[in-house]
Amino acid sequence: MQKPNHHILVCASFRVAGESKGMCFKKDSASLLPYLENELSDRGMEDVMVSSTGCMNRCEKGPVMVVYPQGSWYAEVNEEKIDEILDALQEGKEAEEYLML
């Protein structure tokens, strides 16, 4: 695999002990991963890597998603927002209305 142009991190609320307890997990962030992978594949965005993470400590804003190298943090992510975030990413922009402030 070549180096990806973008890396998307989705909070899965994993804790040090390995248990998922946080708000992102409780808000079903794990179901966003396959949706995101399928959407990237459908769009032909092969240069994007997706990873789940431990708790990002922004529970009140969950589910949280971060896009690198831009460093864009997105709050309260769902499938509809993912579509718009990926649209913006394809255009070289951020989906500003969903950015975490």
PDB file of N, CA and C in Angstrom:
ATOM      1  N   MET A   1       0.834  -1.185   0.000  1.00  0.00           N
ATOM      2  CA  MET A   1       0.000   0.000   0.000  1.00  0.00           C
ATOM      3  C   MET A   1       0.873   1.241   0.000  1.00  0.00           C
ATOM      4  N   GLN A   2       0.525   2.162  -0.868  1.00  0.00           N
ATOM      5  CA  GLN A   2       1.268   3.412  -0.893  1.00  0.00           C
ATOM      6  C   GLN A   2       0.799   4.331   0.230  1.00  0.00           C
ATOM      7  N   LYS A   3       1.578   5.317   0.535  1.00  0.00           N
ATOM      8  CA  LYS A   3       1.247   6.266   1.595  1.00  0.00           C
ATOM      9  C   LYS A   3      -0.043   6.993   1.235  1.00  0.00           C
ATOM     10  N   PRO A   4      -1.025   7.017   2.150  1.00  0.00           N
ATOM     11  CA  PRO A   4      -2.288   7.687   1.852  1.00  0.00           C
ATOM     12  C   PRO A   4      -2.141   9.201   1.866  1.00  0.00           C
ATOM     13  N   ASN A   5      -2.973   9.868   1.090  1.00  0.00           N
ATOM     14  CA  ASN A   5      -2.988  11.332   1.094  1.00  0.00           C
ATOM     15  C   ASN A   5      -3.765  11.884   2.286  1.00  0.00           C
ATOM     16  N   HIS A   6      -4.720  11.075   2.775  1.00  0.00           N
ATOM     17  CA  HIS A   6      -5.538  11.478   3.907  1.00  0.00           C
ATOM     18  C   HIS A   6      -5.689  10.298   4.860  1.00  0.00           C
ATOM     19  N   HIS A   7      -5.837  10.629   6.131  1.00  0.00           N
ATOM     20  CA  HIS A   7      -6.078   9.612   7.150  1.00  0.00           C
ATOM     21  C   HIS A   7      -7.258  10.098   7.975  1.00  0.00           C
ATOM     22  N   ILE A   8      -8.328   9.292   7.999  1.00  0.00           N
ATOM     23  CA  ILE A   8      -9.517   9.637   8.758  1.00  0.00           C
ATOM     24  C   ILE A   8      -9.556   8.780  10.017  1.00  0.00           C
ATOM     25  N   LEU A   9      -9.660   9.449  11.154  1.00  0.00           N
ATOM     26  CA  LEU A   9      -9.722   8.777  12.452  1.00  0.00           C
ATOM     27  C   LEU A   9     -11.128   8.926  13.009  1.00  0.00           C
ATOM     28  N   VAL A  10     -11.716   7.821  13.429  1.00  0.00           N
ATOM     29  CA  VAL A  10     -13.055   7.821  14.010  1.00  0.00           C
ATOM     30  C   VAL A  10     -12.941   7.344  15.452  1.00  0.00           C
ATOM     31  N   CYS A  11     -13.428   8.145  16.388  1.00  0.00           N
ATOM     32  CA  CYS A  11     -13.360   7.771  17.802  1.00  0.00           C
ATOM     33  C   CYS A  11     -14.238   6.552  18.061  1.00  0.00           C
ATOM     34  N   ALA A  12     -13.631   5.528  18.632  1.00  0.00           N
ATOM     35  CA  ALA A  12     -14.364   4.324  19.004  1.00  0.00           C
ATOM     36  C   ALA A  12     -14.407   4.165  20.524  1.00  0.00           C
ATOM     37  N   SER A  13     -13.908   5.160  21.229  1.00  0.00           N
ATOM     38  CA  SER A  13     -13.990   5.221  22.694  1.00  0.00           C
ATOM     39  C   SER A  13     -13.257   4.110  23.420  1.00  0.00           C
ATOM     40  N   PHE A  14     -12.257   3.497  22.795  1.00  0.00           N
ATOM     41  CA  PHE A  14     -11.506   2.458  23.488  1.00  0.00           C
ATOM     42  C   PHE A  14     -10.745   3.075  24.651  1.00  0.00           C
ATOM     43  N   ARG A  15     -10.736   2.366  25.772  1.00  0.00           N
ATOM     44  CA  ARG A  15     -10.014   2.802  26.971  1.00  0.00           C
ATOM     45  C   ARG A  15      -8.760   1.952  27.118  1.00  0.00           C
ATOM     46  N   VAL A  16      -7.908   2.317  28.041  1.00  0.00           N
ATOM     47  CA  VAL A  16      -6.651   1.614  28.266  1.00  0.00           C
ATOM     48  C   VAL A  16      -6.886   0.123  28.499  1.00  0.00           C
ATOM     49  N   ALA A  17      -7.937  -0.226  29.212  1.00  0.00           N
ATOM     50  CA  ALA A  17      -8.243  -1.632  29.492  1.00  0.00           C
ATOM     51  C   ALA A  17      -8.847  -2.345  28.282  1.00  0.00           C
ATOM     52  N   GLY A  18      -9.059  -1.597  27.177  1.00  0.00           N
ATOM     53  CA  GLY A  18      -9.578  -2.208  25.965  1.00  0.00           C
ATOM     54  C   GLY A  18     -11.081  -2.193  25.827  1.00  0.00           C
ATOM     55  N   GLU A  19     -11.772  -1.652  26.812  1.00  0.00           N
ATOM     56  CA  GLU A  19     -13.221  -1.607  26.753  1.00  0.00           C
ATOM     57  C   GLU A  19     -13.692  -0.312  26.091  1.00  0.00           C
ATOM     58  N   SER A  20     -14.771  -0.411  25.334  1.00  0.00           N
ATOM     59  CA  SER A  20     -15.387   0.774  24.741  1.00  0.00           C
ATOM     60  C   SER A  20     -16.492   1.247  25.663  1.00  0.00           C
ATOM     61  N   LYS A  21     -16.299   2.423  26.250  1.00  0.00           N
ATOM     62  CA  LYS A  21     -17.259   2.909  27.227  1.00  0.00           C
ATOM     63  C   LYS A  21     -17.754   4.317  26.948  1.00  0.00           C
ATOM     64  N   GLY A  22     -17.066   5.074  26.157  1.00  0.00           N
ATOM     65  CA  GLY A  22     -17.363   6.489  25.984  1.00  0.00           C
ATOM     66  C   GLY A  22     -18.587   6.778  25.149  1.00  0.00           C
ATOM     67  N   MET A  23     -18.878   8.057  25.021  1.00  0.00           N
ATOM     68  CA  MET A  23     -20.075   8.512  24.322  1.00  0.00           C
ATOM     69  C   MET A  23     -20.049   8.185  22.832  1.00  0.00           C
ATOM     70  N   CYS A  24     -18.894   8.266  22.198  1.00  0.00           N
ATOM     71  CA  CYS A  24     -18.852   7.951  20.769  1.00  0.00           C
ATOM     72  C   CYS A  24     -19.308   6.510  20.534  1.00  0.00           C
ATOM     73  N   PHE A  25     -18.833   5.607  21.366  1.00  0.00           N
ATOM     74  CA  PHE A  25     -19.253   4.212  21.257  1.00  0.00           C
ATOM     75  C   PHE A  25     -20.749   4.084  21.525  1.00  0.00           C
ATOM     76  N   LYS A  26     -21.221   4.749  22.554  1.00  0.00           N
ATOM     77  CA  LYS A  26     -22.645   4.689  22.898  1.00  0.00           C
ATOM     78  C   LYS A  26     -23.514   5.309  21.809  1.00  0.00           C
ATOM     79  N   LYS A  27     -22.942   6.233  21.045  1.00  0.00           N
ATOM     80  CA  LYS A  27     -23.667   6.853  19.926  1.00  0.00           C
ATOM     81  C   LYS A  27     -23.405   6.100  18.628  1.00  0.00           C
ATOM     82  N   ASP A  28     -22.900   4.860  18.733  1.00  0.00           N
ATOM     83  CA  ASP A  28     -22.744   3.926  17.620  1.00  0.00           C
ATOM     84  C   ASP A  28     -21.704   4.355  16.575  1.00  0.00           C
ATOM     85  N   SER A  29     -20.591   4.901  17.042  1.00  0.00           N
ATOM     86  CA  SER A  29     -19.539   5.309  16.115  1.00  0.00           C
ATOM     87  C   SER A  29     -18.969   4.122  15.346  1.00  0.00           C
ATOM     88  N   ALA A  30     -19.017   2.927  15.933  1.00  0.00           N
ATOM     89  CA  ALA A  30     -18.475   1.746  15.256  1.00  0.00           C
ATOM     90  C   ALA A  30     -19.201   1.460  13.951  1.00  0.00           C
ATOM     91  N   SER A  31     -20.477   1.784  13.868  1.00  0.00           N
ATOM     92  CA  SER A  31     -21.222   1.542  12.625  1.00  0.00           C
ATOM     93  C   SER A  31     -20.821   2.512  11.518  1.00  0.00           C
ATOM     94  N   LEU A  32     -20.163   3.606  11.876  1.00  0.00           N
ATOM     95  CA  LEU A  32     -19.725   4.570  10.868  1.00  0.00           C
ATOM     96  C   LEU A  32     -18.526   4.066  10.069  1.00  0.00           C
ATOM     97  N   LEU A  33     -17.734   3.180  10.670  1.00  0.00           N
ATOM     98  CA  LEU A  33     -16.526   2.689   9.990  1.00  0.00           C
ATOM     99  C   LEU A  33     -16.836   1.953   8.689  1.00  0.00           C
ATOM    100  N   PRO A  34     -17.718   0.945   8.696  1.00  0.00           N
ATOM    101  CA  PRO A  34     -18.006   0.278   7.422  1.00  0.00           C
ATOM    102  C   PRO A  34     -18.690   1.205   6.428  1.00  0.00           C
ATOM    103  N   TYR A  35     -19.527   2.114   6.915  1.00  0.00           N
ATOM    104  CA  TYR A  35     -20.164   3.072   6.012  1.00  0.00           C
ATOM    105  C   TYR A  35     -19.106   3.934   5.331  1.00  0.00           C
ATOM    106  N   LEU A  36     -18.169   4.421   6.122  1.00  0.00           N
ATOM    107  CA  LEU A  36     -17.097   5.265   5.602  1.00  0.00           C
ATOM    108  C   LEU A  36     -16.236   4.500   4.602  1.00  0.00           C
ATOM    109  N   GLU A  37     -15.854   3.281   4.925  1.00  0.00           N
ATOM    110  CA  GLU A  37     -15.054   2.455   4.013  1.00  0.00           C
ATOM    111  C   GLU A  37     -15.786   2.211   2.691  1.00  0.00           C
ATOM    112  N   ASN A  38     -17.075   1.885   2.772  1.00  0.00           N
ATOM    113  CA  ASN A  38     -17.858   1.640   1.558  1.00  0.00           C
ATOM    114  C   ASN A  38     -18.001   2.902   0.719  1.00  0.00           C
ATOM    115  N   GLU A  39     -18.226   4.015   1.371  1.00  0.00           N
ATOM    116  CA  GLU A  39     -18.385   5.278   0.651  1.00  0.00           C
ATOM    117  C   GLU A  39     -17.082   5.673  -0.042  1.00  0.00           C
ATOM    118  N   LEU A  40     -15.963   5.490   0.634  1.00  0.00           N
ATOM    119  CA  LEU A  40     -14.665   5.784   0.013  1.00  0.00           C
ATOM    120  C   LEU A  40     -14.435   4.891  -1.201  1.00  0.00           C
ATOM    121  N   SER A  41     -14.766   3.627  -1.084  1.00  0.00           N
ATOM    122  CA  SER A  41     -14.611   2.689  -2.191  1.00  0.00           C
ATOM    123  C   SER A  41     -15.510   3.080  -3.362  1.00  0.00           C
ATOM    124  N   ASP A  42     -16.773   3.401  -3.074  1.00  0.00           N
ATOM    125  CA  ASP A  42     -17.715   3.802  -4.125  1.00  0.00           C
ATOM    126  C   ASP A  42     -17.248   5.053  -4.856  1.00  0.00           C
ATOM    127  N   ARG A  43     -16.566   5.936  -4.159  1.00  0.00           N
ATOM    128  CA  ARG A  43     -16.089   7.192  -4.750  1.00  0.00           C
ATOM    129  C   ARG A  43     -14.720   7.038  -5.415  1.00  0.00           C
ATOM    130  N   GLY A  44     -14.114   5.865  -5.269  1.00  0.00           N
ATOM    131  CA  GLY A  44     -12.793   5.648  -5.838  1.00  0.00           C
ATOM    132  C   GLY A  44     -11.698   6.399  -5.105  1.00  0.00           C
ATOM    133  N   MET A  45     -11.929   6.682  -3.831  1.00  0.00           N
ATOM    134  CA  MET A  45     -10.958   7.430  -3.027  1.00  0.00           C
ATOM    135  C   MET A  45      -9.998   6.440  -2.366  1.00  0.00           C
ATOM    136  N   GLU A  46      -9.135   5.855  -3.169  1.00  0.00           N
ATOM    137  CA  GLU A  46      -8.201   4.826  -2.714  1.00  0.00           C
ATOM    138  C   GLU A  46      -7.033   5.401  -1.913  1.00  0.00           C
ATOM    139  N   ASP A  47      -6.895   6.725  -1.924  1.00  0.00           N
ATOM    140  CA  ASP A  47      -5.771   7.380  -1.249  1.00  0.00           C
ATOM    141  C   ASP A  47      -6.119   7.815   0.170  1.00  0.00           C
ATOM    142  N   VAL A  48      -7.195   7.248   0.743  1.00  0.00           N
ATOM    143  CA  VAL A  48      -7.639   7.611   2.080  1.00  0.00           C
ATOM    144  C   VAL A  48      -7.622   6.375   2.979  1.00  0.00           C
ATOM    145  N   MET A  49      -6.992   6.504   4.139  1.00  0.00           N
ATOM    146  CA  MET A  49      -6.944   5.426   5.123  1.00  0.00           C
ATOM    147  C   MET A  49      -7.911   5.772   6.257  1.00  0.00           C
ATOM    148  N   VAL A  50      -8.598   4.754   6.788  1.00  0.00           N
ATOM    149  CA  VAL A  50      -9.532   4.938   7.901  1.00  0.00           C
ATOM    150  C   VAL A  50      -9.074   4.095   9.082  1.00  0.00           C
ATOM    151  N   SER A  51      -9.105   4.697  10.277  1.00  0.00           N
ATOM    152  CA  SER A  51      -8.750   3.983  11.502  1.00  0.00           C
ATOM    153  C   SER A  51      -9.715   4.361  12.609  1.00  0.00           C
ATOM    154  N   SER A  52      -9.975   3.410  13.498  1.00  0.00           N
ATOM    155  CA  SER A  52     -10.709   3.726  14.718  1.00  0.00           C
ATOM    156  C   SER A  52      -9.680   4.036  15.798  1.00  0.00           C
ATOM    157  N   THR A  53     -10.078   4.801  16.779  1.00  0.00           N
ATOM    158  CA  THR A  53      -9.134   5.243  17.808  1.00  0.00           C
ATOM    159  C   THR A  53      -9.665   4.991  19.205  1.00  0.00           C
ATOM    160  N   GLY A  54      -8.800   5.223  20.143  1.00  0.00           N
ATOM    161  CA  GLY A  54      -9.217   5.289  21.529  1.00  0.00           C
ATOM    162  C   GLY A  54      -9.986   6.573  21.747  1.00  0.00           C
ATOM    163  N   CYS A  55     -10.385   6.801  22.971  1.00  0.00           N
ATOM    164  CA  CYS A  55     -11.161   7.989  23.305  1.00  0.00           C
ATOM    165  C   CYS A  55     -10.375   9.256  22.954  1.00  0.00           C
ATOM    166  N   MET A  56     -11.040  10.176  22.270  1.00  0.00           N
ATOM    167  CA  MET A  56     -10.424  11.453  21.891  1.00  0.00           C
ATOM    168  C   MET A  56     -10.747  12.568  22.883  1.00  0.00           C
ATOM    169  N   ASN A  57     -11.463  12.217  23.961  1.00  0.00           N
ATOM    170  CA  ASN A  57     -11.776  13.153  25.043  1.00  0.00           C
ATOM    171  C   ASN A  57     -12.604  14.356  24.597  1.00  0.00           C
ATOM    172  N   ARG A  58     -13.478  14.138  23.643  1.00  0.00           N
ATOM    173  CA  ARG A  58     -14.431  15.161  23.207  1.00  0.00           C
ATOM    174  C   ARG A  58     -15.834  14.547  23.224  1.00  0.00           C
ATOM    175  N   CYS A  59     -16.111  13.825  24.297  1.00  0.00           N
ATOM    176  CA  CYS A  59     -17.325  13.006  24.410  1.00  0.00           C
ATOM    177  C   CYS A  59     -18.603  13.797  24.153  1.00  0.00           C
ATOM    178  N   GLU A  60     -18.637  15.046  24.613  1.00  0.00           N
ATOM    179  CA  GLU A  60     -19.844  15.854  24.443  1.00  0.00           C
ATOM    180  C   GLU A  60     -20.127  16.167  22.976  1.00  0.00           C
ATOM    181  N   LYS A  61     -19.143  15.978  22.103  1.00  0.00           N
ATOM    182  CA  LYS A  61     -19.278  16.280  20.677  1.00  0.00           C
ATOM    183  C   LYS A  61     -19.380  15.026  19.813  1.00  0.00           C
ATOM    184  N   GLY A  62     -19.448  13.849  20.439  1.00  0.00           N
ATOM    185  CA  GLY A  62     -19.365  12.595  19.702  1.00  0.00           C
ATOM    186  C   GLY A  62     -20.588  12.248  18.888  1.00  0.00           C
ATOM    187  N   PRO A  63     -20.403  11.368  17.948  1.00  0.00           N
ATOM    188  CA  PRO A  63     -19.146  10.781  17.497  1.00  0.00           C
ATOM    189  C   PRO A  63     -18.227  11.816  16.835  1.00  0.00           C
ATOM    190  N   VAL A  64     -16.940  11.652  17.103  1.00  0.00           N
ATOM    191  CA  VAL A  64     -15.914  12.569  16.609  1.00  0.00           C
ATOM    192  C   VAL A  64     -15.120  11.900  15.493  1.00  0.00           C
ATOM    193  N   MET A  65     -14.790  12.690  14.467  1.00  0.00           N
ATOM    194  CA  MET A  65     -13.979  12.209  13.352  1.00  0.00           C
ATOM    195  C   MET A  65     -12.941  13.279  13.030  1.00  0.00           C
ATOM    196  N   VAL A  66     -11.701  12.855  12.771  1.00  0.00           N
ATOM    197  CA  VAL A  66     -10.617  13.780  12.453  1.00  0.00           C
ATOM    198  C   VAL A  66     -10.021  13.388  11.103  1.00  0.00           C
ATOM    199  N   VAL A  67      -9.778  14.392  10.259  1.00  0.00           N
ATOM    200  CA  VAL A  67      -9.178  14.155   8.945  1.00  0.00           C
ATOM    201  C   VAL A  67      -7.790  14.790   8.929  1.00  0.00           C
ATOM    202  N   TYR A  68      -6.791  13.961   8.638  1.00  0.00           N
ATOM    203  CA  TYR A  68      -5.408  14.433   8.513  1.00  0.00           C
ATOM    204  C   TYR A  68      -4.958  14.274   7.079  1.00  0.00           C
ATOM    205  N   PRO A  69      -4.054  15.097   6.575  1.00  0.00           N
ATOM    206  CA  PRO A  69      -3.167  15.990   7.312  1.00  0.00           C
ATOM    207  C   PRO A  69      -3.769  17.351   7.637  1.00  0.00           C
ATOM    208  N   GLN A  70      -5.005  17.618   7.212  1.00  0.00           N
ATOM    209  CA  GLN A  70      -5.616  18.919   7.479  1.00  0.00           C
ATOM    210  C   GLN A  70      -5.782  19.204   8.966  1.00  0.00           C
ATOM    211  N   GLY A  71      -6.024  18.152   9.752  1.00  0.00           N
ATOM    212  CA  GLY A  71      -6.275  18.345  11.175  1.00  0.00           C
ATOM    213  C   GLY A  71      -7.682  18.852  11.431  1.00  0.00           C
ATOM    214  N   SER A  72      -8.621  18.493  10.569  1.00  0.00           N
ATOM    215  CA  SER A  72     -10.010  18.933  10.695  1.00  0.00           C
ATOM    216  C   SER A  72     -10.759  18.004  11.639  1.00  0.00           C
ATOM    217  N   TRP A  73     -11.305  18.560  12.719  1.00  0.00           N
ATOM    218  CA  TRP A  73     -12.074  17.798  13.707  1.00  0.00           C
ATOM    219  C   TRP A  73     -13.553  18.033  13.453  1.00  0.00           C
ATOM    220  N   TYR A  74     -14.299  16.938  13.288  1.00  0.00           N
ATOM    221  CA  TYR A  74     -15.727  17.024  13.021  1.00  0.00           C
ATOM    222  C   TYR A  74     -16.518  16.457  14.191  1.00  0.00           C
ATOM    223  N   ALA A  75     -17.627  17.129  14.532  1.00  0.00           N
ATOM    224  CA  ALA A  75     -18.445  16.770  15.689  1.00  0.00           C
ATOM    225  C   ALA A  75     -19.764  16.132  15.273  1.00  0.00           C
ATOM    226  N   GLU A  76     -20.274  15.281  16.149  1.00  0.00           N
ATOM    227  CA  GLU A  76     -21.587  14.670  15.989  1.00  0.00           C
ATOM    228  C   GLU A  76     -21.778  14.081  14.597  1.00  0.00           C
ATOM    229  N   VAL A  77     -20.805  13.297  14.187  1.00  0.00           N
ATOM    230  CA  VAL A  77     -20.774  12.734  12.840  1.00  0.00           C
ATOM    231  C   VAL A  77     -21.819  11.631  12.693  1.00  0.00           C
ATOM    232  N   ASN A  78     -22.473  11.633  11.532  1.00  0.00           N
ATOM    233  CA  ASN A  78     -23.396  10.568  11.148  1.00  0.00           C
ATOM    234  C   ASN A  78     -23.194  10.308   9.650  1.00  0.00           C
ATOM    235  N   GLU A  79     -23.957   9.401   9.072  1.00  0.00           N
ATOM    236  CA  GLU A  79     -23.760   9.043   7.671  1.00  0.00           C
ATOM    237  C   GLU A  79     -23.978  10.229   6.732  1.00  0.00           C
ATOM    238  N   GLU A  80     -24.986  11.032   6.995  1.00  0.00           N
ATOM    239  CA  GLU A  80     -25.259  12.199   6.153  1.00  0.00           C
ATOM    240  C   GLU A  80     -24.085  13.181   6.189  1.00  0.00           C
ATOM    241  N   LYS A  81     -23.551  13.422   7.371  1.00  0.00           N
ATOM    242  CA  LYS A  81     -22.420  14.334   7.507  1.00  0.00           C
ATOM    243  C   LYS A  81     -21.179  13.756   6.840  1.00  0.00           C
ATOM    244  N   ILE A  82     -20.988  12.432   6.943  1.00  0.00           N
ATOM    245  CA  ILE A  82     -19.845  11.804   6.274  1.00  0.00           C
ATOM    246  C   ILE A  82     -19.898  12.074   4.777  1.00  0.00           C
ATOM    247  N   ASP A  83     -21.075  11.958   4.172  1.00  0.00           N
ATOM    248  CA  ASP A  83     -21.211  12.231   2.736  1.00  0.00           C
ATOM    249  C   ASP A  83     -20.747  13.641   2.400  1.00  0.00           C
ATOM    250  N   GLU A  84     -21.174  14.607   3.198  1.00  0.00           N
ATOM    251  CA  GLU A  84     -20.804  15.998   2.939  1.00  0.00           C
ATOM    252  C   GLU A  84     -19.332  16.265   3.240  1.00  0.00           C
ATOM    253  N   ILE A  85     -18.798  15.614   4.264  1.00  0.00           N
ATOM    254  CA  ILE A  85     -17.379  15.762   4.589  1.00  0.00           C
ATOM    255  C   ILE A  85     -16.531  15.204   3.447  1.00  0.00           C
ATOM    256  N   LEU A  86     -16.915  14.046   2.909  1.00  0.00           N
ATOM    257  CA  LEU A  86     -16.171  13.465   1.786  1.00  0.00           C
ATOM    258  C   LEU A  86     -16.322  14.289   0.521  1.00  0.00           C
ATOM    259  N   ASP A  87     -17.495  14.865   0.290  1.00  0.00           N
ATOM    260  CA  ASP A  87     -17.674  15.769  -0.852  1.00  0.00           C
ATOM    261  C   ASP A  87     -16.667  16.910  -0.767  1.00  0.00           C
ATOM    262  N   ALA A  88     -16.580  17.518   0.422  1.00  0.00           N
ATOM    263  CA  ALA A  88     -15.654  18.629   0.632  1.00  0.00           C
ATOM    264  C   ALA A  88     -14.213  18.166   0.467  1.00  0.00           C
ATOM    265  N   LEU A  89     -13.869  17.005   1.000  1.00  0.00           N
ATOM    266  CA  LEU A  89     -12.511  16.481   0.903  1.00  0.00           C
ATOM    267  C   LEU A  89     -12.119  16.285  -0.559  1.00  0.00           C
ATOM    268  N   GLN A  90     -13.048  15.775  -1.361  1.00  0.00           N
ATOM    269  CA  GLN A  90     -12.768  15.591  -2.787  1.00  0.00           C
ATOM    270  C   GLN A  90     -12.524  16.916  -3.493  1.00  0.00           C
ATOM    271  N   GLU A  91     -13.113  17.998  -2.972  1.00  0.00           N
ATOM    272  CA  GLU A  91     -12.935  19.328  -3.548  1.00  0.00           C
ATOM    273  C   GLU A  91     -11.750  20.065  -2.927  1.00  0.00           C
ATOM    274  N   GLY A  92     -11.034  19.397  -2.015  1.00  0.00           N
ATOM    275  CA  GLY A  92      -9.895  20.025  -1.350  1.00  0.00           C
ATOM    276  C   GLY A  92     -10.300  21.039  -0.301  1.00  0.00           C
ATOM    277  N   LYS A  93     -11.497  20.874   0.263  1.00  0.00           N
ATOM    278  CA  LYS A  93     -12.029  21.818   1.245  1.00  0.00           C
ATOM    279  C   LYS A  93     -12.387  21.084   2.533  1.00  0.00           C
ATOM    280  N   GLU A  94     -12.868  21.855   3.513  1.00  0.00           N
ATOM    281  CA  GLU A  94     -13.418  21.309   4.741  1.00  0.00           C
ATOM    282  C   GLU A  94     -14.930  21.499   4.712  1.00  0.00           C
ATOM    283  N   ALA A  95     -15.657  20.622   5.358  1.00  0.00           N
ATOM    284  CA  ALA A  95     -17.098  20.800   5.538  1.00  0.00           C
ATOM    285  C   ALA A  95     -17.270  21.697   6.765  1.00  0.00           C
ATOM    286  N   GLU A  96     -17.139  22.980   6.552  1.00  0.00           N
ATOM    287  CA  GLU A  96     -17.035  23.953   7.644  1.00  0.00           C
ATOM    288  C   GLU A  96     -18.178  23.905   8.628  1.00  0.00           C
ATOM    289  N   GLU A  97     -19.398  23.608   8.177  1.00  0.00           N
ATOM    290  CA  GLU A  97     -20.547  23.631   9.076  1.00  0.00           C
ATOM    291  C   GLU A  97     -20.500  22.520  10.125  1.00  0.00           C
ATOM    292  N   TYR A  98     -19.646  21.522   9.938  1.00  0.00           N
ATOM    293  CA  TYR A  98     -19.550  20.410  10.876  1.00  0.00           C
ATOM    294  C   TYR A  98     -18.255  20.418  11.687  1.00  0.00           C
ATOM    295  N   LEU A  99     -17.402  21.399  11.456  1.00  0.00           N
ATOM    296  CA  LEU A  99     -16.139  21.484  12.192  1.00  0.00           C
ATOM    297  C   LEU A  99     -16.383  21.720  13.674  1.00  0.00           C
ATOM    298  N   MET A 100     -15.585  21.094  14.488  1.00  0.00           N
ATOM    299  CA  MET A 100     -15.653  21.282  15.918  1.00  0.00           C
ATOM    300  C   MET A 100     -14.946  22.589  16.255  1.00  0.00           C
ATOM    301  N   LEU A 101     -15.631  23.410  16.996  1.00  0.00           N
ATOM    302  CA  LEU A 101     -15.042  24.706  17.362  1.00  0.00           C
ATOM    303  C   LEU A 101     -14.550  24.700  18.780  1.00  0.00           C
TER     304      LEU A 101
END
